[in-house]
Protein backbone atom coordinates (compact mmCIF):
# COMPACT_ATOMS: atom_id res chain seq x y z
CA UNK A 1 -54.12 3.40 -39.20
CA UNK A 2 -50.26 3.89 -40.07
CA UNK A 3 -49.77 5.91 -37.18
CA UNK A 4 -50.99 3.90 -34.53
CA UNK A 5 -49.13 1.14 -36.69
CA UNK A 6 -45.99 2.88 -35.81
CA UNK A 7 -47.15 3.98 -31.72
CA UNK A 8 -47.28 0.36 -31.51
CA UNK A 9 -43.78 -0.47 -32.60
CA UNK A 10 -42.37 2.35 -30.51
CA UNK A 11 -44.02 0.65 -27.35
CA UNK A 12 -42.45 -2.76 -28.43
CA UNK A 13 -39.19 -1.22 -29.61
CA UNK A 14 -38.90 0.96 -26.04
CA UNK A 15 -39.60 -2.43 -24.11
CA UNK A 16 -37.58 -4.63 -25.97
CA UNK A 17 -34.98 -1.32 -25.01
CA UNK A 18 -35.60 -2.14 -21.16
CA UNK A 19 -35.55 -6.04 -21.40
CA UNK A 20 -32.19 -5.66 -23.45
CA UNK A 21 -30.71 -2.62 -20.09
CA UNK A 22 -32.22 -5.13 -17.45
CA UNK A 23 -30.62 -8.08 -18.94
CA UNK A 24 -27.09 -6.26 -18.91
CA UNK A 25 -27.68 -5.30 -15.81
CA UNK A 26 -28.08 -8.91 -14.83
CA UNK A 27 -25.12 -10.38 -16.79
CA UNK A 28 -22.86 -7.70 -14.86
CA UNK A 29 -24.74 -8.46 -11.40
CA UNK A 30 -23.72 -12.09 -12.62
CA UNK A 31 -20.49 -11.54 -13.80
CA UNK A 32 -19.77 -10.10 -10.43
CA UNK A 33 -20.98 -13.00 -8.49
CA UNK A 34 -18.62 -14.81 -10.60
CA UNK A 35 -16.05 -13.56 -9.57
CA UNK A 36 -16.24 -13.23 -6.18
CA UNK A 37 -16.85 -17.23 -6.43
CA UNK A 38 -14.11 -17.97 -8.10
CA UNK A 39 -12.16 -15.66 -5.49
CA UNK A 40 -13.33 -17.79 -2.77
CA UNK A 41 -12.81 -20.97 -4.38
CA UNK A 42 -9.10 -19.82 -4.86
CA UNK A 43 -8.60 -18.52 -1.10
CA UNK A 44 -10.28 -22.82 -0.42
CA UNK A 45 -7.96 -24.09 -2.38
CA UNK A 46 -5.54 -22.05 -1.09
CA UNK A 47 -6.03 -23.37 2.81
CA UNK A 48 -6.95 -26.28 1.40
CA UNK A 49 -2.97 -27.26 -0.02
CA UNK A 50 -2.07 -25.33 3.29
CA UNK A 51 -3.70 -28.29 5.21
CA UNK A 52 -2.77 -30.60 2.93
CA UNK A 53 1.34 -29.82 3.53
CA UNK A 54 0.40 -29.50 6.64
CA UNK A 55 -1.33 -32.85 7.28
CA UNK A 56 2.25 -33.96 5.21
CA UNK A 57 4.99 -32.08 8.04
CA UNK A 58 3.18 -33.95 10.55
CA UNK A 59 3.23 -37.16 9.10
CA UNK A 60 7.17 -36.51 8.42
CA UNK A 61 7.23 -35.70 12.34
CA UNK A 62 5.53 -38.75 13.20
CA UNK A 63 7.51 -40.46 11.28
CA UNK A 64 11.03 -39.90 12.98
CA UNK A 65 12.08 -42.38 15.16
CA UNK A 66 12.09 -42.11 18.70
CA UNK A 67 15.00 -43.61 19.65
CA UNK A 68 16.42 -41.12 21.82
CA UNK A 69 15.86 -37.92 23.25
CA UNK A 70 17.25 -35.70 20.99
CA UNK A 71 14.41 -37.04 17.99
CA UNK A 72 11.91 -36.26 20.44
CA UNK A 73 13.74 -32.61 20.92
CA UNK A 74 13.31 -32.76 17.06
CA UNK A 75 9.67 -33.41 17.03
CA UNK A 76 8.02 -31.14 19.25
CA UNK A 77 10.54 -28.34 17.70
CA UNK A 78 9.24 -29.04 14.59
CA UNK A 79 5.44 -29.29 16.01
CA UNK A 80 5.65 -25.84 17.11
CA UNK A 81 7.45 -24.45 14.67
CA UNK A 82 4.18 -26.00 12.87
CA UNK A 83 1.75 -24.29 15.06
CA UNK A 84 3.32 -20.90 14.58
CA UNK A 85 3.65 -20.96 11.08
CA UNK A 86 -0.43 -22.06 11.31
CA UNK A 87 -0.67 -18.99 13.84
CA UNK A 88 1.32 -16.65 11.48
CA UNK A 89 -0.94 -18.13 8.16
CA UNK A 90 -4.19 -17.08 9.78
CA UNK A 91 -3.16 -13.73 10.93
CA UNK A 92 -1.64 -12.88 7.41
CA UNK A 93 -5.45 -14.39 6.38
CA UNK A 94 -7.29 -11.65 8.10
């Protein structure tokens, strides 16, 4: 009788141990997934900040009064600089 109870307790202990190991593996996988998602979120936030800055710069450029040829030329230069910076950022993020 005691032998059977000890075997039963040993089986329960084995099950609990296996379950704990499985839970530890699941926890590790979830932590890895959370880290990955946090990194992606940071990348998306950085990208969003970049686009917000681009919009601000575009608004500044569009608000430059076009009274003469020099202003139009300045606007075109700034637009070209923005495009070049965007290309560089895209290239660096790859």
